[in-house]
Amino acid sequence: MTTITLESPSSTGRLEELVDRLLAALFLGGAKQEAPAPSLVKTVHDARRLRQSGDLDGALAVFNGVDAANAPDSQLRWLYGEWLDIARRRFGGDNVTLYSPATGRAAVLVSTAEGGATLAVAAVLGMRWPVGKTVSRRSLRGLKPLAKGGA
């Protein structure tokens, strides 16, 4: 007696997925492959392109995921300068402050209350703060106005 088994497309997809996971576990030690982080040059290029098209929020969003831990100081200063220029164009108001604890790390903060005791994160560069996080003004040292003469 002869039996014929037919493969459905759904079982083929599951088999390929299983083989991929098996090979990854064998050759990569079970570690998941992560997409490589974009280079700083590509990040700045993408942000400039978005800025020129008028999408300032999109340009700032490009900088949110930047990991510049191993970048040289010259590239960090260049990255910061580009980010700061876009942030000033986007948040040019008087009620906006800049927090920069180290080279290549900064955040634009907007007052949330009348007294200004709490600030909301509006844009981030090289920090783990999510946009929208609320922080206390008293806990941050070195706040400067975002206006041209402040930073």
N, C-alpha and C. Protein backbone atom coordinates (compact mmCIF):
# COMPACT_ATOMS: atom_id res chain seq x y z
N MET A 1 0.84 -1.15 0.00
CA MET A 1 0.00 0.00 0.00
C MET A 1 0.89 1.23 0.00
N THR A 2 0.55 2.18 -0.82
CA THR A 2 1.33 3.40 -0.94
C THR A 2 0.52 4.55 -0.37
N THR A 3 1.20 5.35 0.46
CA THR A 3 0.53 6.53 0.99
C THR A 3 1.25 7.77 0.49
N ILE A 4 0.48 8.74 0.22
CA ILE A 4 1.02 10.01 -0.26
C ILE A 4 0.69 11.07 0.78
N THR A 5 1.70 11.80 1.17
CA THR A 5 1.45 12.91 2.09
C THR A 5 1.68 14.21 1.36
N LEU A 6 0.76 15.07 1.52
CA LEU A 6 0.86 16.38 0.88
C LEU A 6 1.29 17.41 1.92
N GLU A 7 2.14 18.28 1.50
CA GLU A 7 2.57 19.36 2.38
C GLU A 7 1.74 20.59 2.09
N SER A 8 1.21 21.14 3.12
CA SER A 8 0.49 22.40 2.92
C SER A 8 1.47 23.54 3.09
N PRO A 9 1.20 24.68 2.47
CA PRO A 9 2.13 25.82 2.60
C PRO A 9 2.33 26.27 4.04
N SER A 10 1.32 26.10 4.89
CA SER A 10 1.48 26.54 6.27
C SER A 10 2.48 25.66 7.02
N SER A 11 2.47 24.35 6.76
CA SER A 11 3.43 23.48 7.45
C SER A 11 4.85 23.72 6.94
N THR A 12 4.99 24.09 5.68
CA THR A 12 6.32 24.40 5.14
C THR A 12 6.90 25.62 5.84
N GLY A 13 6.08 26.63 6.06
CA GLY A 13 6.55 27.83 6.75
C GLY A 13 6.99 27.54 8.16
N ARG A 14 6.23 26.67 8.84
CA ARG A 14 6.60 26.32 10.22
C ARG A 14 7.89 25.52 10.25
N LEU A 15 8.07 24.66 9.27
CA LEU A 15 9.29 23.87 9.20
C LEU A 15 10.51 24.76 8.97
N GLU A 16 10.38 25.72 8.06
CA GLU A 16 11.48 26.65 7.80
C GLU A 16 11.80 27.47 9.04
N GLU A 17 10.78 27.88 9.74
CA GLU A 17 10.98 28.65 10.97
C GLU A 17 11.71 27.80 12.02
N LEU A 18 11.31 26.54 12.13
CA LEU A 18 11.95 25.63 13.08
C LEU A 18 13.42 25.40 12.72
N VAL A 19 13.70 25.21 11.45
CA VAL A 19 15.08 25.02 11.00
C VAL A 19 15.91 26.27 11.27
N ASP A 20 15.35 27.44 11.02
CA ASP A 20 16.07 28.69 11.30
C ASP A 20 16.40 28.82 12.78
N ARG A 21 15.44 28.49 13.63
CA ARG A 21 15.69 28.57 15.08
C ARG A 21 16.74 27.56 15.51
N LEU A 22 16.68 26.36 14.93
CA LEU A 22 17.64 25.32 15.26
C LEU A 22 19.06 25.72 14.85
N LEU A 23 19.20 26.26 13.64
CA LEU A 23 20.51 26.70 13.18
C LEU A 23 21.04 27.87 14.02
N ALA A 24 20.15 28.77 14.39
CA ALA A 24 20.57 29.90 15.22
C ALA A 24 21.04 29.41 16.58
N ALA A 25 20.36 28.42 17.13
CA ALA A 25 20.75 27.88 18.43
C ALA A 25 22.09 27.15 18.35
N LEU A 26 22.32 26.45 17.25
CA LEU A 26 23.56 25.71 17.11
C LEU A 26 24.77 26.60 16.84
N PHE A 27 24.61 27.54 15.93
CA PHE A 27 25.76 28.33 15.49
C PHE A 27 25.92 29.66 16.21
N LEU A 28 24.87 30.18 16.77
CA LEU A 28 24.96 31.47 17.45
C LEU A 28 24.85 31.33 18.96
N GLY A 29 24.84 30.12 19.44
CA GLY A 29 24.76 29.91 20.88
C GLY A 29 23.42 30.29 21.47
N GLY A 30 22.39 30.28 20.68
CA GLY A 30 21.06 30.61 21.17
C GLY A 30 20.77 32.09 21.22
N ALA A 31 21.75 32.91 20.95
CA ALA A 31 21.54 34.36 21.01
C ALA A 31 20.77 34.81 19.78
N LYS A 32 19.83 35.67 20.00
CA LYS A 32 19.07 36.21 18.88
C LYS A 32 19.90 37.25 18.16
N GLN A 33 19.79 37.23 16.86
CA GLN A 33 20.50 38.24 16.09
C GLN A 33 19.72 39.54 16.15
N GLU A 34 20.41 40.61 16.43
CA GLU A 34 19.78 41.92 16.44
C GLU A 34 20.23 42.67 15.21
N ALA A 35 19.36 43.51 14.74
CA ALA A 35 19.72 44.32 13.58
C ALA A 35 20.84 45.26 14.00
N PRO A 36 21.85 45.44 13.17
CA PRO A 36 22.94 46.32 13.54
C PRO A 36 22.45 47.77 13.66
N ALA A 37 22.98 48.46 14.65
CA ALA A 37 22.60 49.86 14.84
C ALA A 37 23.14 50.69 13.69
N PRO A 38 22.35 51.64 13.22
CA PRO A 38 22.85 52.47 12.12
C PRO A 38 24.03 53.31 12.58
N SER A 39 24.93 53.60 11.66
CA SER A 39 26.10 54.39 12.01
C SER A 39 25.68 55.83 12.31
N LEU A 40 26.55 56.54 13.00
CA LEU A 40 26.24 57.93 13.33
C LEU A 40 26.11 58.78 12.07
N VAL A 41 26.94 58.50 11.09
CA VAL A 41 26.89 59.27 9.85
C VAL A 41 25.55 59.07 9.15
N LYS A 42 25.08 57.82 9.09
CA LYS A 42 23.79 57.54 8.47
C LYS A 42 22.66 58.17 9.26
N THR A 43 22.76 58.14 10.58
CA THR A 43 21.74 58.75 11.42
C THR A 43 21.63 60.24 11.15
N VAL A 44 22.76 60.93 11.10
CA VAL A 44 22.74 62.37 10.83
C VAL A 44 22.22 62.64 9.42
N HIS A 45 22.62 61.82 8.46
CA HIS A 45 22.15 61.99 7.08
C HIS A 45 20.63 61.84 7.01
N ASP A 46 20.08 60.82 7.67
CA ASP A 46 18.63 60.61 7.66
C ASP A 46 17.90 61.77 8.34
N ALA A 47 18.46 62.25 9.45
CA ALA A 47 17.83 63.36 10.16
C ALA A 47 17.85 64.64 9.32
N ARG A 48 18.96 64.90 8.65
CA ARG A 48 19.04 66.08 7.78
C ARG A 48 18.04 66.00 6.64
N ARG A 49 17.90 64.80 6.07
CA ARG A 49 16.95 64.62 4.96
C ARG A 49 15.53 64.90 5.44
N LEU A 50 15.17 64.41 6.61
CA LEU A 50 13.84 64.66 7.16
C LEU A 50 13.65 66.13 7.52
N ARG A 51 14.70 66.75 8.05
CA ARG A 51 14.61 68.18 8.38
C ARG A 51 14.37 69.01 7.13
N GLN A 52 15.07 68.69 6.06
CA GLN A 52 14.92 69.45 4.82
C GLN A 52 13.55 69.26 4.20
N SER A 53 12.94 68.10 4.44
CA SER A 53 11.59 67.88 3.91
C SER A 53 10.53 68.50 4.81
N GLY A 54 10.93 69.03 5.97
CA GLY A 54 10.00 69.71 6.86
C GLY A 54 9.49 68.86 8.01
N ASP A 55 9.93 67.62 8.13
CA ASP A 55 9.48 66.72 9.19
C ASP A 55 10.45 66.80 10.38
N LEU A 56 10.30 67.83 11.20
CA LEU A 56 11.21 68.02 12.34
C LEU A 56 11.01 66.96 13.41
N ASP A 57 9.76 66.55 13.65
CA ASP A 57 9.51 65.50 14.64
C ASP A 57 10.14 64.18 14.20
N GLY A 58 10.03 63.87 12.92
CA GLY A 58 10.65 62.65 12.40
C GLY A 58 12.17 62.71 12.49
N ALA A 59 12.72 63.89 12.23
CA ALA A 59 14.18 64.06 12.33
C ALA A 59 14.66 63.84 13.76
N LEU A 60 13.90 64.35 14.73
CA LEU A 60 14.28 64.13 16.13
C LEU A 60 14.09 62.67 16.54
N ALA A 61 13.09 62.01 15.98
CA ALA A 61 12.85 60.61 16.31
C ALA A 61 13.99 59.72 15.83
N VAL A 62 14.67 60.11 14.76
CA VAL A 62 15.82 59.35 14.26
C VAL A 62 16.91 59.29 15.33
N PHE A 63 17.05 60.35 16.09
CA PHE A 63 18.11 60.41 17.10
C PHE A 63 17.76 59.64 18.38
N ASN A 64 16.49 59.27 18.57
CA ASN A 64 16.08 58.61 19.82
C ASN A 64 16.83 57.32 20.10
N GLY A 65 17.06 56.52 19.08
CA GLY A 65 17.69 55.23 19.30
C GLY A 65 19.19 55.18 19.10
N VAL A 66 19.83 56.33 19.05
CA VAL A 66 21.27 56.37 18.78
C VAL A 66 22.05 55.80 19.96
N ASP A 67 22.95 54.89 19.66
CA ASP A 67 23.86 54.36 20.68
C ASP A 67 25.27 54.80 20.28
N ALA A 68 25.73 55.84 20.93
CA ALA A 68 27.02 56.42 20.57
C ALA A 68 28.07 56.14 21.63
N ALA A 69 27.99 54.98 22.26
CA ALA A 69 28.89 54.67 23.37
C ALA A 69 30.35 54.61 22.94
N ASN A 70 30.63 54.08 21.77
CA ASN A 70 32.02 53.91 21.35
C ASN A 70 32.46 54.91 20.29
N ALA A 71 31.70 55.95 20.09
CA ALA A 71 32.03 56.94 19.07
C ALA A 71 33.09 57.91 19.58
N PRO A 72 33.94 58.40 18.69
CA PRO A 72 34.94 59.40 19.11
C PRO A 72 34.26 60.73 19.45
N ASP A 73 34.95 61.53 20.25
CA ASP A 73 34.38 62.81 20.70
C ASP A 73 34.01 63.73 19.55
N SER A 74 34.80 63.72 18.49
CA SER A 74 34.49 64.60 17.36
C SER A 74 33.14 64.24 16.73
N GLN A 75 32.86 62.95 16.60
CA GLN A 75 31.57 62.53 16.05
C GLN A 75 30.44 62.83 17.02
N LEU A 76 30.69 62.69 18.31
CA LEU A 76 29.66 63.00 19.31
C LEU A 76 29.30 64.48 19.28
N ARG A 77 30.31 65.35 19.15
CA ARG A 77 30.03 66.79 19.09
C ARG A 77 29.26 67.14 17.82
N TRP A 78 29.60 66.50 16.71
CA TRP A 78 28.90 66.73 15.45
C TRP A 78 27.44 66.26 15.56
N LEU A 79 27.25 65.08 16.12
CA LEU A 79 25.91 64.53 16.32
C LEU A 79 25.08 65.45 17.21
N TYR A 80 25.68 65.92 18.31
CA TYR A 80 25.00 66.81 19.23
C TYR A 80 24.63 68.12 18.55
N GLY A 81 25.54 68.68 17.76
CA GLY A 81 25.26 69.93 17.06
C GLY A 81 24.09 69.81 16.09
N GLU A 82 24.04 68.71 15.36
CA GLU A 82 22.93 68.50 14.42
C GLU A 82 21.62 68.32 15.18
N TRP A 83 21.65 67.54 16.25
CA TRP A 83 20.46 67.32 17.06
C TRP A 83 19.97 68.63 17.67
N LEU A 84 20.89 69.42 18.19
CA LEU A 84 20.53 70.68 18.83
C LEU A 84 19.92 71.65 17.82
N ASP A 85 20.46 71.70 16.61
CA ASP A 85 19.90 72.57 15.57
C ASP A 85 18.46 72.19 15.26
N ILE A 86 18.19 70.90 15.11
CA ILE A 86 16.83 70.46 14.81
C ILE A 86 15.91 70.71 16.01
N ALA A 87 16.41 70.49 17.22
CA ALA A 87 15.60 70.72 18.42
C ALA A 87 15.25 72.20 18.56
N ARG A 88 16.19 73.09 18.25
CA ARG A 88 15.89 74.52 18.32
C ARG A 88 14.86 74.93 17.28
N ARG A 89 14.93 74.33 16.10
CA ARG A 89 13.93 74.63 15.08
C ARG A 89 12.55 74.14 15.50
N ARG A 90 12.50 73.00 16.15
CA ARG A 90 11.22 72.40 16.53
C ARG A 90 10.64 73.03 17.79
N PHE A 91 11.47 73.25 18.82
CA PHE A 91 11.00 73.76 20.11
C PHE A 91 11.62 75.13 20.37
N GLY A 92 11.32 76.10 19.58
CA GLY A 92 11.95 77.41 19.70
C GLY A 92 11.36 78.30 20.77
N GLY A 93 10.48 77.80 21.61
CA GLY A 93 9.80 78.63 22.59
C GLY A 93 10.66 79.01 23.78
N ASP A 94 10.12 79.90 24.61
CA ASP A 94 10.84 80.39 25.79
C ASP A 94 10.76 79.41 26.96
N ASN A 95 9.77 78.55 26.97
CA ASN A 95 9.51 77.68 28.11
C ASN A 95 10.17 76.31 27.94
N VAL A 96 11.24 76.24 27.17
CA VAL A 96 11.90 74.97 26.86
C VAL A 96 13.32 75.02 27.40
N THR A 97 13.73 73.92 28.06
CA THR A 97 15.08 73.86 28.62
C THR A 97 15.84 72.68 28.03
N LEU A 98 17.15 72.74 28.17
CA LEU A 98 18.04 71.71 27.66
C LEU A 98 18.81 71.11 28.83
N TYR A 99 18.86 69.79 28.87
CA TYR A 99 19.63 69.08 29.88
C TYR A 99 20.66 68.24 29.15
N SER A 100 21.94 68.47 29.44
CA SER A 100 23.01 67.73 28.78
C SER A 100 24.02 67.27 29.83
N PRO A 101 23.88 66.04 30.35
CA PRO A 101 24.76 65.58 31.41
C PRO A 101 26.16 65.17 30.96
N ALA A 102 26.33 64.85 29.67
CA ALA A 102 27.63 64.40 29.17
C ALA A 102 27.69 64.62 27.66
N THR A 103 28.87 64.48 27.10
CA THR A 103 29.05 64.63 25.66
C THR A 103 28.24 63.56 24.93
N GLY A 104 27.43 63.99 23.98
CA GLY A 104 26.62 63.06 23.20
C GLY A 104 25.34 62.62 23.87
N ARG A 105 25.01 63.22 25.00
CA ARG A 105 23.76 62.89 25.71
C ARG A 105 23.05 64.18 26.05
N ALA A 106 21.76 64.25 25.70
CA ALA A 106 21.00 65.47 25.97
C ALA A 106 19.51 65.18 25.88
N ALA A 107 18.73 66.10 26.45
CA ALA A 107 17.27 66.00 26.39
C ALA A 107 16.68 67.40 26.35
N VAL A 108 15.63 67.57 25.57
CA VAL A 108 14.85 68.81 25.55
C VAL A 108 13.69 68.59 26.50
N LEU A 109 13.51 69.52 27.44
CA LEU A 109 12.47 69.40 28.46
C LEU A 109 11.52 70.58 28.38
N VAL A 110 10.23 70.29 28.51
CA VAL A 110 9.18 71.31 28.45
C VAL A 110 8.47 71.33 29.79
N SER A 111 8.19 72.53 30.32
CA SER A 111 7.48 72.65 31.59
C SER A 111 6.07 72.08 31.46
N THR A 112 5.65 71.32 32.49
CA THR A 112 4.32 70.73 32.46
C THR A 112 3.35 71.43 33.38
N ALA A 113 3.84 72.09 34.41
CA ALA A 113 2.96 72.74 35.38
C ALA A 113 3.21 74.24 35.38
N GLU A 114 2.32 74.96 36.01
CA GLU A 114 2.43 76.42 36.09
C GLU A 114 3.72 76.85 36.79
N GLY A 115 4.05 76.22 37.89
CA GLY A 115 5.25 76.57 38.63
C GLY A 115 6.53 76.10 37.97
N GLY A 116 6.42 75.15 37.09
CA GLY A 116 7.60 74.64 36.40
C GLY A 116 8.41 73.65 37.22
N ALA A 117 7.79 73.04 38.25
CA ALA A 117 8.51 72.09 39.09
C ALA A 117 8.75 70.76 38.38
N THR A 118 7.88 70.41 37.45
CA THR A 118 8.07 69.18 36.69
C THR A 118 8.25 69.50 35.22
N LEU A 119 9.03 68.67 34.56
CA LEU A 119 9.34 68.85 33.15
C LEU A 119 9.04 67.56 32.40
N ALA A 120 8.58 67.70 31.17
CA ALA A 120 8.32 66.53 30.32
C ALA A 120 9.40 66.45 29.25
N VAL A 121 9.86 65.25 28.98
CA VAL A 121 10.88 65.03 27.96
C VAL A 121 10.23 65.15 26.59
N ALA A 122 10.77 66.04 25.75
CA ALA A 122 10.22 66.26 24.41
C ALA A 122 11.09 65.64 23.32
N ALA A 123 12.39 65.57 23.53
CA ALA A 123 13.31 64.97 22.56
C ALA A 123 14.54 64.47 23.32
N VAL A 124 15.14 63.39 22.81
CA VAL A 124 16.25 62.75 23.51
C VAL A 124 17.38 62.44 22.54
N LEU A 125 18.61 62.55 23.04
CA LEU A 125 19.79 62.14 22.28
C LEU A 125 20.68 61.32 23.20
N GLY A 126 20.86 60.04 22.90
CA GLY A 126 21.80 59.20 23.63
C GLY A 126 21.44 58.90 25.06
N MET A 127 20.18 59.05 25.42
CA MET A 127 19.73 58.76 26.78
C MET A 127 18.61 57.73 26.72
N ARG A 128 18.36 57.07 27.83
CA ARG A 128 17.33 56.04 27.87
C ARG A 128 15.96 56.58 28.24
N TRP A 129 15.84 57.85 28.42
CA TRP A 129 14.54 58.43 28.75
C TRP A 129 13.61 58.33 27.56
N PRO A 130 12.39 57.87 27.77
CA PRO A 130 11.43 57.89 26.67
C PRO A 130 10.82 59.29 26.54
N VAL A 131 10.43 59.63 25.34
CA VAL A 131 9.74 60.91 25.12
C VAL A 131 8.42 60.85 25.87
N GLY A 132 8.14 61.91 26.63
CA GLY A 132 6.92 61.97 27.43
C GLY A 132 7.17 61.73 28.91
N LYS A 133 8.33 61.24 29.28
CA LYS A 133 8.65 60.98 30.69
C LYS A 133 8.64 62.30 31.46
N THR A 134 8.15 62.28 32.67
CA THR A 134 8.11 63.46 33.52
C THR A 134 9.25 63.37 34.54
N VAL A 135 10.00 64.46 34.66
CA VAL A 135 11.12 64.51 35.61
C VAL A 135 11.00 65.77 36.46
N SER A 136 11.63 65.73 37.62
CA SER A 136 11.61 66.87 38.53
C SER A 136 12.73 67.84 38.16
N ARG A 137 12.42 69.12 38.17
CA ARG A 137 13.43 70.14 37.87
C ARG A 137 14.54 70.12 38.92
N ARG A 138 14.19 69.85 40.17
CA ARG A 138 15.18 69.87 41.25
C ARG A 138 16.22 68.77 41.11
N SER A 139 15.87 67.66 40.45
CA SER A 139 16.81 66.54 40.36
C SER A 139 17.82 66.69 39.23
N LEU A 140 17.68 67.71 38.42
CA LEU A 140 18.57 67.90 37.27
C LEU A 140 19.46 69.11 37.48
N ARG A 141 20.75 68.92 37.30
CA ARG A 141 21.68 70.04 37.41
C ARG A 141 22.12 70.48 36.03
N GLY A 142 22.34 71.75 35.88
CA GLY A 142 22.86 72.28 34.63
C GLY A 142 21.81 72.49 33.55
N LEU A 143 20.58 72.75 33.94
CA LEU A 143 19.55 73.06 32.95
C LEU A 143 19.84 74.41 32.32
N LYS A 144 19.68 74.48 31.00
CA LYS A 144 19.91 75.73 30.28
C LYS A 144 18.71 75.99 29.38
N PRO A 145 18.46 77.25 29.06
CA PRO A 145 17.40 77.50 28.08
C PRO A 145 17.82 76.99 26.71
N LEU A 146 16.87 76.53 25.93
CA LEU A 146 17.17 75.98 24.61
C LEU A 146 17.47 77.08 23.60
N ALA A 147 17.09 78.30 23.91
CA ALA A 147 17.31 79.42 22.98
C ALA A 147 18.78 79.51 22.59
N LYS A 148 19.06 80.19 21.50
CA LYS A 148 20.38 80.21 20.87
C LYS A 148 21.52 80.53 21.84
N GLY A 149 21.35 81.45 22.75
CA GLY A 149 22.43 81.82 23.66
C GLY A 149 22.57 80.89 24.85
N GLY A 150 21.60 80.01 25.07
CA GLY A 150 21.59 79.20 26.28
C GLY A 150 22.43 77.95 26.25
N ALA A 151 22.56 77.33 25.09
CA ALA A 151 23.25 76.04 25.06
C ALA A 151 24.62 76.14 24.49
